[in-house]
All heavy atoms as atom14 arrays in JSON, in Angstrom:
{
  "sequence": "FLLIHPMNTDDAGHKFGLDSRQYRNSARRFDLLLADYLP",
  "atom14_mask": [
    [1, 1, 1, 1, 1, 1, 1, 1, 1, 1, 1, 0, 0, 0],
    [1, 1, 1, 1, 1, 1, 1, 1, 0, 0, 0, 0, 0, 0],
    [1, 1, 1, 1, 1, 1, 1, 1, 0, 0, 0, 0, 0, 0],
    [1, 1, 1, 1, 1, 1, 1, 1, 0, 0, 0, 0, 0, 0],
    [1, 1, 1, 1, 1, 1, 1, 1, 1, 1, 0, 0, 0, 0],
    [1, 1, 1, 1, 1, 1, 1, 0, 0, 0, 0, 0, 0, 0],
    [1, 1, 1, 1, 1, 1, 1, 1, 0, 0, 0, 0, 0, 0],
    [1, 1, 1, 1, 1, 1, 1, 1, 0, 0, 0, 0, 0, 0],
    [1, 1, 1, 1, 1, 1, 1, 0, 0, 0, 0, 0, 0, 0],
    [1, 1, 1, 1, 1, 1, 1, 1, 0, 0, 0, 0, 0, 0],
    [1, 1, 1, 1, 1, 1, 1, 1, 0, 0, 0, 0, 0, 0],
    [1, 1, 1, 1, 1, 0, 0, 0, 0, 0, 0, 0, 0, 0],
    [1, 1, 1, 1, 0, 0, 0, 0, 0, 0, 0, 0, 0, 0],
    [1, 1, 1, 1, 1, 1, 1, 1, 1, 1, 0, 0, 0, 0],
    [1, 1, 1, 1, 1, 1, 1, 1, 1, 0, 0, 0, 0, 0],
    [1, 1, 1, 1, 1, 1, 1, 1, 1, 1, 1, 0, 0, 0],
    [1, 1, 1, 1, 0, 0, 0, 0, 0, 0, 0, 0, 0, 0],
    [1, 1, 1, 1, 1, 1, 1, 1, 0, 0, 0, 0, 0, 0],
    [1, 1, 1, 1, 1, 1, 1, 1, 0, 0, 0, 0, 0, 0],
    [1, 1, 1, 1, 1, 1, 0, 0, 0, 0, 0, 0, 0, 0],
    [1, 1, 1, 1, 1, 1, 1, 1, 1, 1, 1, 0, 0, 0],
    [1, 1, 1, 1, 1, 1, 1, 1, 1, 0, 0, 0, 0, 0],
    [1, 1, 1, 1, 1, 1, 1, 1, 1, 1, 1, 1, 0, 0],
    [1, 1, 1, 1, 1, 1, 1, 1, 1, 1, 1, 0, 0, 0],
    [1, 1, 1, 1, 1, 1, 1, 1, 0, 0, 0, 0, 0, 0],
    [1, 1, 1, 1, 1, 1, 0, 0, 0, 0, 0, 0, 0, 0],
    [1, 1, 1, 1, 1, 0, 0, 0, 0, 0, 0, 0, 0, 0],
    [1, 1, 1, 1, 1, 1, 1, 1, 1, 1, 1, 0, 0, 0],
    [1, 1, 1, 1, 1, 1, 1, 1, 1, 1, 1, 0, 0, 0],
    [1, 1, 1, 1, 1, 1, 1, 1, 1, 1, 1, 0, 0, 0],
    [1, 1, 1, 1, 1, 1, 1, 1, 0, 0, 0, 0, 0, 0],
    [1, 1, 1, 1, 1, 1, 1, 1, 0, 0, 0, 0, 0, 0],
    [1, 1, 1, 1, 1, 1, 1, 1, 0, 0, 0, 0, 0, 0],
    [1, 1, 1, 1, 1, 1, 1, 1, 0, 0, 0, 0, 0, 0],
    [1, 1, 1, 1, 1, 0, 0, 0, 0, 0, 0, 0, 0, 0],
    [1, 1, 1, 1, 1, 1, 1, 1, 0, 0, 0, 0, 0, 0],
    [1, 1, 1, 1, 1, 1, 1, 1, 1, 1, 1, 1, 0, 0],
    [1, 1, 1, 1, 1, 1, 1, 1, 0, 0, 0, 0, 0, 0],
    [1, 1, 1, 1, 1, 1, 1, 0, 0, 0, 0, 0, 0, 0]
  ],
  "atom14_positions": [
    [[-6.57, -17.39, 14.17], [-5.96, -18.22, 13.13], [-6.15, -17.55, 11.78], [-7.28, -17.23, 11.39], [-6.56, -19.62, 13.09], [-6.01, -20.46, 11.96], [-4.67, -20.82, 11.95], [-6.82, -20.86, 10.92], [-4.15, -21.56, 10.89], [-6.32, -21.61, 9.87], [-4.98, -21.97, 9.86], [0.0, 0.0, 0.0], [0.0, 0.0, 0.0], [0.0, 0.0, 0.0]],
    [[-5.04, -17.35, 11.08], [-5.06, -16.72, 9.76], [-4.32, -17.61, 8.78], [-3.16, -17.97, 9.0], [-4.38, -15.35, 9.82], [-4.11, -14.64, 8.49], [-5.41, -14.36, 7.73], [-3.33, -13.35, 8.73], [0.0, 0.0, 0.0], [0.0, 0.0, 0.0], [0.0, 0.0, 0.0], [0.0, 0.0, 0.0], [0.0, 0.0, 0.0], [0.0, 0.0, 0.0]],
    [[-5.0, -17.98, 7.69], [-4.39, -18.71, 6.58], [-4.01, -17.73, 5.48], [-4.85, -16.91, 5.07], [-5.37, -19.75, 6.03], [-4.95, -20.44, 4.72], [-3.72, -21.31, 4.91], [-6.12, -21.23, 4.14], [0.0, 0.0, 0.0], [0.0, 0.0, 0.0], [0.0, 0.0, 0.0], [0.0, 0.0, 0.0], [0.0, 0.0, 0.0], [0.0, 0.0, 0.0]],
    [[-2.78, -17.84, 4.99], [-2.3, -17.03, 3.87], [-1.84, -17.99, 2.79], [-0.96, -18.82, 3.02], [-1.15, -16.11, 4.3], [-1.59, -15.2, 5.46], [-0.65, -15.27, 3.13], [-0.47, -14.35, 6.04], [0.0, 0.0, 0.0], [0.0, 0.0, 0.0], [0.0, 0.0, 0.0], [0.0, 0.0, 0.0], [0.0, 0.0, 0.0], [0.0, 0.0, 0.0]],
    [[-2.41, -17.86, 1.59], [-2.19, -18.88, 0.55], [-1.91, -18.22, -0.8], [-2.82, -17.93, -1.56], [-3.44, -19.78, 0.48], [-3.4, -20.75, -0.66], [-4.49, -21.02, -1.44], [-2.39, -21.51, -1.15], [-4.18, -21.89, -2.37], [-2.91, -22.2, -2.22], [0.0, 0.0, 0.0], [0.0, 0.0, 0.0], [0.0, 0.0, 0.0], [0.0, 0.0, 0.0]],
    [[-0.62, -17.99, -1.13], [-0.24, -17.4, -2.41], [-0.1, -18.47, -3.5], [0.29, -19.61, -3.22], [1.11, -16.76, -2.1], [1.69, -17.65, -1.04], [0.51, -18.12, -0.22], [0.0, 0.0, 0.0], [0.0, 0.0, 0.0], [0.0, 0.0, 0.0], [0.0, 0.0, 0.0], [0.0, 0.0, 0.0], [0.0, 0.0, 0.0], [0.0, 0.0, 0.0]],
    [[-0.36, -18.09, -4.75], [-0.43, -19.05, -5.84], [0.63, -18.84, -6.93], [0.79, -19.69, -7.81], [-1.82, -18.97, -6.47], [-2.14, -20.01, -7.5], [-2.2, -21.69, -6.84], [-3.87, -21.72, -6.22], [0.0, 0.0, 0.0], [0.0, 0.0, 0.0], [0.0, 0.0, 0.0], [0.0, 0.0, 0.0], [0.0, 0.0, 0.0], [0.0, 0.0, 0.0]],
    [[1.4, -17.75, -6.9], [2.25, -17.42, -8.05], [3.36, -18.43, -8.31], [3.74, -18.66, -9.46], [2.87, -16.04, -7.88], [1.88, -14.9, -8.02], [2.24, -13.75, -7.83], [0.62, -15.2, -8.32], [0.0, 0.0, 0.0], [0.0, 0.0, 0.0], [0.0, 0.0, 0.0], [0.0, 0.0, 0.0], [0.0, 0.0, 0.0], [0.0, 0.0, 0.0]],
    [[3.9, -19.06, -7.26], [4.96, -20.04, -7.48], [4.42, -21.26, -8.22], [5.05, -21.76, -9.17], [5.59, -20.44, -6.14], [6.17, -19.28, -5.53], [6.68, -21.48, -6.33], [0.0, 0.0, 0.0], [0.0, 0.0, 0.0], [0.0, 0.0, 0.0], [0.0, 0.0, 0.0], [0.0, 0.0, 0.0], [0.0, 0.0, 0.0], [0.0, 0.0, 0.0]],
    [[3.27, -21.75, -7.83], [2.64, -22.86, -8.54], [2.33, -22.47, -9.98], [2.56, -23.26, -10.92], [1.36, -23.26, -7.82], [0.68, -24.46, -8.44], [1.2, -25.58, -8.29], [-0.37, -24.29, -9.09], [0.0, 0.0, 0.0], [0.0, 0.0, 0.0], [0.0, 0.0, 0.0], [0.0, 0.0, 0.0], [0.0, 0.0, 0.0], [0.0, 0.0, 0.0]],
    [[1.83, -21.26, -10.19], [1.51, -20.78, -11.53], [2.75, -20.78, -12.42], [2.72, -21.24, -13.57], [0.9, -19.38, -11.43], [0.37, -18.87, -12.75], [-0.33, -19.63, -13.45], [0.65, -17.71, -13.09], [0.0, 0.0, 0.0], [0.0, 0.0, 0.0], [0.0, 0.0, 0.0], [0.0, 0.0, 0.0], [0.0, 0.0, 0.0], [0.0, 0.0, 0.0]],
    [[3.86, -20.28, -11.89], [5.11, -20.27, -12.66], [5.6, -21.68, -12.94], [6.13, -21.97, -14.03], [6.18, -19.48, -11.9], [0.0, 0.0, 0.0], [0.0, 0.0, 0.0], [0.0, 0.0, 0.0], [0.0, 0.0, 0.0], [0.0, 0.0, 0.0], [0.0, 0.0, 0.0], [0.0, 0.0, 0.0], [0.0, 0.0, 0.0], [0.0, 0.0, 0.0]],
    [[5.43, -22.59, -11.99], [5.84, -23.97, -12.2], [5.06, -24.64, -13.31], [5.62, -25.38, -14.13], [0.0, 0.0, 0.0], [0.0, 0.0, 0.0], [0.0, 0.0, 0.0], [0.0, 0.0, 0.0], [0.0, 0.0, 0.0], [0.0, 0.0, 0.0], [0.0, 0.0, 0.0], [0.0, 0.0, 0.0], [0.0, 0.0, 0.0], [0.0, 0.0, 0.0]],
    [[3.75, -24.39, -13.37], [2.93, -24.98, -14.42], [3.28, -24.39, -15.79], [3.16, -25.07, -16.81], [1.46, -24.78, -14.11], [0.93, -25.71, -13.08], [0.91, -27.08, -13.25], [0.43, -25.48, -11.84], [0.4, -27.65, -12.17], [0.1, -26.7, -11.3], [0.0, 0.0, 0.0], [0.0, 0.0, 0.0], [0.0, 0.0, 0.0], [0.0, 0.0, 0.0]],
    [[3.69, -23.15, -15.82], [4.01, -22.51, -17.1], [5.41, -22.84, -17.57], [5.64, -22.98, -18.78], [3.84, -20.99, -16.97], [2.4, -20.54, -16.82], [2.31, -19.05, -16.55], [0.87, -18.6, -16.45], [0.76, -17.17, -16.04], [0.0, 0.0, 0.0], [0.0, 0.0, 0.0], [0.0, 0.0, 0.0], [0.0, 0.0, 0.0], [0.0, 0.0, 0.0]],
    [[6.36, -22.98, -16.64], [7.77, -23.06, -17.03], [8.53, -24.26, -16.46], [9.63, -24.55, -16.92], [8.49, -21.77, -16.63], [7.85, -20.54, -17.19], [7.08, -19.7, -16.39], [8.01, -20.21, -18.52], [6.49, -18.55, -16.91], [7.41, -19.07, -19.05], [6.66, -18.24, -18.24], [0.0, 0.0, 0.0], [0.0, 0.0, 0.0], [0.0, 0.0, 0.0]],
    [[7.99, -24.95, -15.45], [8.61, -26.15, -14.93], [9.57, -25.94, -13.78], [10.0, -24.83, -13.48], [0.0, 0.0, 0.0], [0.0, 0.0, 0.0], [0.0, 0.0, 0.0], [0.0, 0.0, 0.0], [0.0, 0.0, 0.0], [0.0, 0.0, 0.0], [0.0, 0.0, 0.0], [0.0, 0.0, 0.0], [0.0, 0.0, 0.0], [0.0, 0.0, 0.0]],
    [[9.94, -27.05, -13.14], [10.79, -27.04, -11.96], [12.14, -26.37, -12.21], [12.64, -25.63, -11.36], [11.02, -28.48, -11.49], [12.02, -28.68, -10.35], [11.47, -28.13, -9.04], [12.37, -30.17, -10.19], [0.0, 0.0, 0.0], [0.0, 0.0, 0.0], [0.0, 0.0, 0.0], [0.0, 0.0, 0.0], [0.0, 0.0, 0.0], [0.0, 0.0, 0.0]],
    [[12.74, -26.62, -13.34], [14.1, -26.16, -13.6], [14.17, -24.76, -14.23], [15.21, -24.37, -14.74], [14.83, -27.14, -14.52], [15.16, -28.44, -13.82], [15.37, -28.41, -12.59], [15.18, -29.49, -14.48], [0.0, 0.0, 0.0], [0.0, 0.0, 0.0], [0.0, 0.0, 0.0], [0.0, 0.0, 0.0], [0.0, 0.0, 0.0], [0.0, 0.0, 0.0]],
    [[13.08, -24.02, -14.18], [13.04, -22.72, -14.85], [13.44, -21.58, -13.91], [13.21, -21.64, -12.7], [11.64, -22.45, -15.39], [10.72, -22.28, -14.32], [0.0, 0.0, 0.0], [0.0, 0.0, 0.0], [0.0, 0.0, 0.0], [0.0, 0.0, 0.0], [0.0, 0.0, 0.0], [0.0, 0.0, 0.0], [0.0, 0.0, 0.0], [0.0, 0.0, 0.0]],
    [[14.01, -20.55, -14.5], [14.31, -19.35, -13.72], [13.03, -18.68, -13.24], [12.99, -18.07, -12.18], [15.17, -18.39, -14.53], [14.48, -17.74, -15.71], [15.43, -16.8, -16.47], [14.75, -16.07, -17.53], [14.53, -16.54, -18.74], [14.95, -17.77, -19.06], [13.91, -15.81, -19.64], [0.0, 0.0, 0.0], [0.0, 0.0, 0.0], [0.0, 0.0, 0.0]],
    [[11.95, -18.8, -14.03], [10.69, -18.16, -13.65], [10.14, -18.77, -12.36], [9.65, -18.05, -11.48], [9.68, -18.3, -14.78], [10.01, -17.5, -16.03], [10.82, -18.31, -17.04], [11.43, -19.33, -16.69], [10.83, -17.86, -18.28], [0.0, 0.0, 0.0], [0.0, 0.0, 0.0], [0.0, 0.0, 0.0], [0.0, 0.0, 0.0], [0.0, 0.0, 0.0]],
    [[10.22, -20.08, -12.25], [9.73, -20.77, -11.05], [10.58, -20.41, -9.84], [10.06, -20.02, -8.78], [9.75, -22.28, -11.31], [9.32, -23.15, -10.16], [8.02, -23.13, -9.67], [10.22, -24.03, -9.57], [7.63, -23.95, -8.62], [9.84, -24.86, -8.52], [8.54, -24.81, -8.06], [8.17, -25.63, -7.02], [0.0, 0.0, 0.0], [0.0, 0.0, 0.0]],
    [[11.88, -20.49, -10.0], [12.77, -20.16, -8.88], [12.62, -18.7, -8.48], [12.6, -18.37, -7.29], [14.22, -20.49, -9.26], [14.51, -21.97, -9.39], [16.0, -22.23, -9.55], [16.5, -21.69, -10.8], [16.55, -22.37, -11.95], [16.11, -23.62, -11.99], [17.05, -21.83, -13.04], [0.0, 0.0, 0.0], [0.0, 0.0, 0.0], [0.0, 0.0, 0.0]],
    [[12.53, -17.81, -9.46], [12.43, -16.38, -9.13], [11.09, -16.03, -8.49], [11.03, -15.1, -7.67], [12.66, -15.54, -10.38], [14.12, -15.48, -10.78], [15.0, -15.67, -9.94], [14.39, -15.2, -12.04], [0.0, 0.0, 0.0], [0.0, 0.0, 0.0], [0.0, 0.0, 0.0], [0.0, 0.0, 0.0], [0.0, 0.0, 0.0], [0.0, 0.0, 0.0]],
    [[10.05, -16.75, -8.83], [8.77, -16.52, -8.15], [8.89, -16.85, -6.67], [8.4, -16.11, -5.81], [7.68, -17.37, -8.8], [6.45, -17.18, -8.14], [0.0, 0.0, 0.0], [0.0, 0.0, 0.0], [0.0, 0.0, 0.0], [0.0, 0.0, 0.0], [0.0, 0.0, 0.0], [0.0, 0.0, 0.0], [0.0, 0.0, 0.0], [0.0, 0.0, 0.0]],
    [[9.57, -17.95, -6.35], [9.8, -18.3, -4.95], [10.67, -17.26, -4.27], [10.4, -16.87, -3.12], [10.45, -19.68, -4.87], [0.0, 0.0, 0.0], [0.0, 0.0, 0.0], [0.0, 0.0, 0.0], [0.0, 0.0, 0.0], [0.0, 0.0, 0.0], [0.0, 0.0, 0.0], [0.0, 0.0, 0.0], [0.0, 0.0, 0.0], [0.0, 0.0, 0.0]],
    [[11.69, -16.8, -4.96], [12.56, -15.76, -4.38], [11.77, -14.48, -4.09], [11.96, -13.85, -3.05], [13.71, -15.45, -5.34], [14.73, -16.58, -5.49], [15.84, -16.17, -6.44], [16.86, -17.2, -6.54], [17.09, -17.93, -7.63], [16.36, -17.75, -8.72], [18.04, -18.85, -7.63], [0.0, 0.0, 0.0], [0.0, 0.0, 0.0], [0.0, 0.0, 0.0]],
    [[10.89, -14.1, -5.01], [10.13, -12.87, -4.8], [9.24, -12.98, -3.57], [9.14, -12.03, -2.78], [9.28, -12.56, -6.04], [10.06, -11.93, -7.18], [9.14, -11.38, -8.25], [8.37, -12.42, -8.91], [8.78, -13.1, -9.98], [9.97, -12.87, -10.5], [8.01, -14.02, -10.53], [0.0, 0.0, 0.0], [0.0, 0.0, 0.0], [0.0, 0.0, 0.0]],
    [[8.58, -14.13, -3.41], [7.71, -14.26, -2.23], [8.52, -14.26, -0.94], [8.11, -13.66, 0.06], [6.85, -15.53, -2.31], [5.82, -15.58, -1.23], [4.66, -14.82, -1.34], [6.01, -16.32, -0.08], [3.71, -14.82, -0.33], [5.07, -16.34, 0.93], [3.91, -15.59, 0.81], [0.0, 0.0, 0.0], [0.0, 0.0, 0.0], [0.0, 0.0, 0.0]],
    [[9.66, -14.89, -0.97], [10.56, -14.9, 0.19], [10.9, -13.48, 0.63], [10.85, -13.14, 1.82], [11.82, -15.68, -0.17], [12.9, -15.63, 0.9], [12.68, -16.19, 1.99], [13.96, -15.04, 0.63], [0.0, 0.0, 0.0], [0.0, 0.0, 0.0], [0.0, 0.0, 0.0], [0.0, 0.0, 0.0], [0.0, 0.0, 0.0], [0.0, 0.0, 0.0]],
    [[11.22, -12.63, -0.34], [11.58, -11.25, 0.0], [10.36, -10.42, 0.4], [10.47, -9.51, 1.23], [12.32, -10.61, -1.18], [13.68, -11.24, -1.48], [14.32, -10.58, -2.7], [14.62, -11.12, -0.28], [0.0, 0.0, 0.0], [0.0, 0.0, 0.0], [0.0, 0.0, 0.0], [0.0, 0.0, 0.0], [0.0, 0.0, 0.0], [0.0, 0.0, 0.0]],
    [[9.19, -10.74, -0.15], [7.97, -10.1, 0.31], [7.7, -10.43, 1.78], [7.26, -9.57, 2.55], [6.78, -10.54, -0.54], [6.69, -9.98, -1.97], [5.59, -10.7, -2.74], [6.44, -8.48, -1.96], [0.0, 0.0, 0.0], [0.0, 0.0, 0.0], [0.0, 0.0, 0.0], [0.0, 0.0, 0.0], [0.0, 0.0, 0.0], [0.0, 0.0, 0.0]],
    [[7.97, -11.67, 2.16], [7.76, -12.06, 3.56], [8.59, -11.23, 4.52], [8.2, -11.04, 5.68], [8.11, -13.54, 3.74], [7.01, -14.57, 3.51], [7.57, -15.96, 3.71], [5.81, -14.33, 4.41], [0.0, 0.0, 0.0], [0.0, 0.0, 0.0], [0.0, 0.0, 0.0], [0.0, 0.0, 0.0], [0.0, 0.0, 0.0], [0.0, 0.0, 0.0]],
    [[9.74, -10.76, 4.05], [10.6, -9.96, 4.92], [9.93, -8.67, 5.37], [10.32, -8.08, 6.39], [11.91, -9.63, 4.19], [0.0, 0.0, 0.0], [0.0, 0.0, 0.0], [0.0, 0.0, 0.0], [0.0, 0.0, 0.0], [0.0, 0.0, 0.0], [0.0, 0.0, 0.0], [0.0, 0.0, 0.0], [0.0, 0.0, 0.0], [0.0, 0.0, 0.0]],
    [[8.9, -8.23, 4.64], [8.15, -7.04, 5.05], [7.11, -7.34, 6.13], [6.59, -6.41, 6.75], [7.43, -6.42, 3.84], [8.4, -5.8, 2.84], [9.47, -5.33, 3.27], [8.07, -5.79, 1.64], [0.0, 0.0, 0.0], [0.0, 0.0, 0.0], [0.0, 0.0, 0.0], [0.0, 0.0, 0.0], [0.0, 0.0, 0.0], [0.0, 0.0, 0.0]],
    [[6.78, -8.61, 6.33], [5.67, -8.98, 7.2], [6.09, -9.85, 8.38], [5.6, -9.65, 9.5], [4.59, -9.71, 6.4], [3.95, -8.87, 5.34], [4.45, -8.84, 4.04], [2.85, -8.07, 5.62], [3.86, -8.06, 3.05], [2.25, -7.27, 4.65], [2.77, -7.28, 3.36], [2.19, -6.5, 2.4], [0.0, 0.0, 0.0], [0.0, 0.0, 0.0]],
    [[6.93, -10.83, 8.15], [7.24, -11.81, 9.19], [7.8, -11.17, 10.46], [7.37, -11.54, 11.57], [8.2, -12.87, 8.65], [8.55, -14.02, 9.6], [7.31, -14.74, 10.1], [9.5, -15.01, 8.91], [0.0, 0.0, 0.0], [0.0, 0.0, 0.0], [0.0, 0.0, 0.0], [0.0, 0.0, 0.0], [0.0, 0.0, 0.0], [0.0, 0.0, 0.0]],
    [[8.73, -10.2, 10.39], [9.21, -9.6, 11.64], [8.09, -8.95, 12.45], [8.07, -9.05, 13.69], [10.23, -8.56, 11.16], [10.68, -9.06, 9.83], [9.47, -9.68, 9.21], [0.0, 0.0, 0.0], [0.0, 0.0, 0.0], [0.0, 0.0, 0.0], [0.0, 0.0, 0.0], [0.0, 0.0, 0.0], [0.0, 0.0, 0.0], [0.0, 0.0, 0.0]]
  ]
}
């Protein structure tokens, strides 16, 4: 069992809010990072 817990999306949300490009783009970046690992 391995837990992986990234924090950057929450950090961007606290700094810029739900409707910010920074928050959305942080989620997008992690999604694309997952593409290197999930397969």
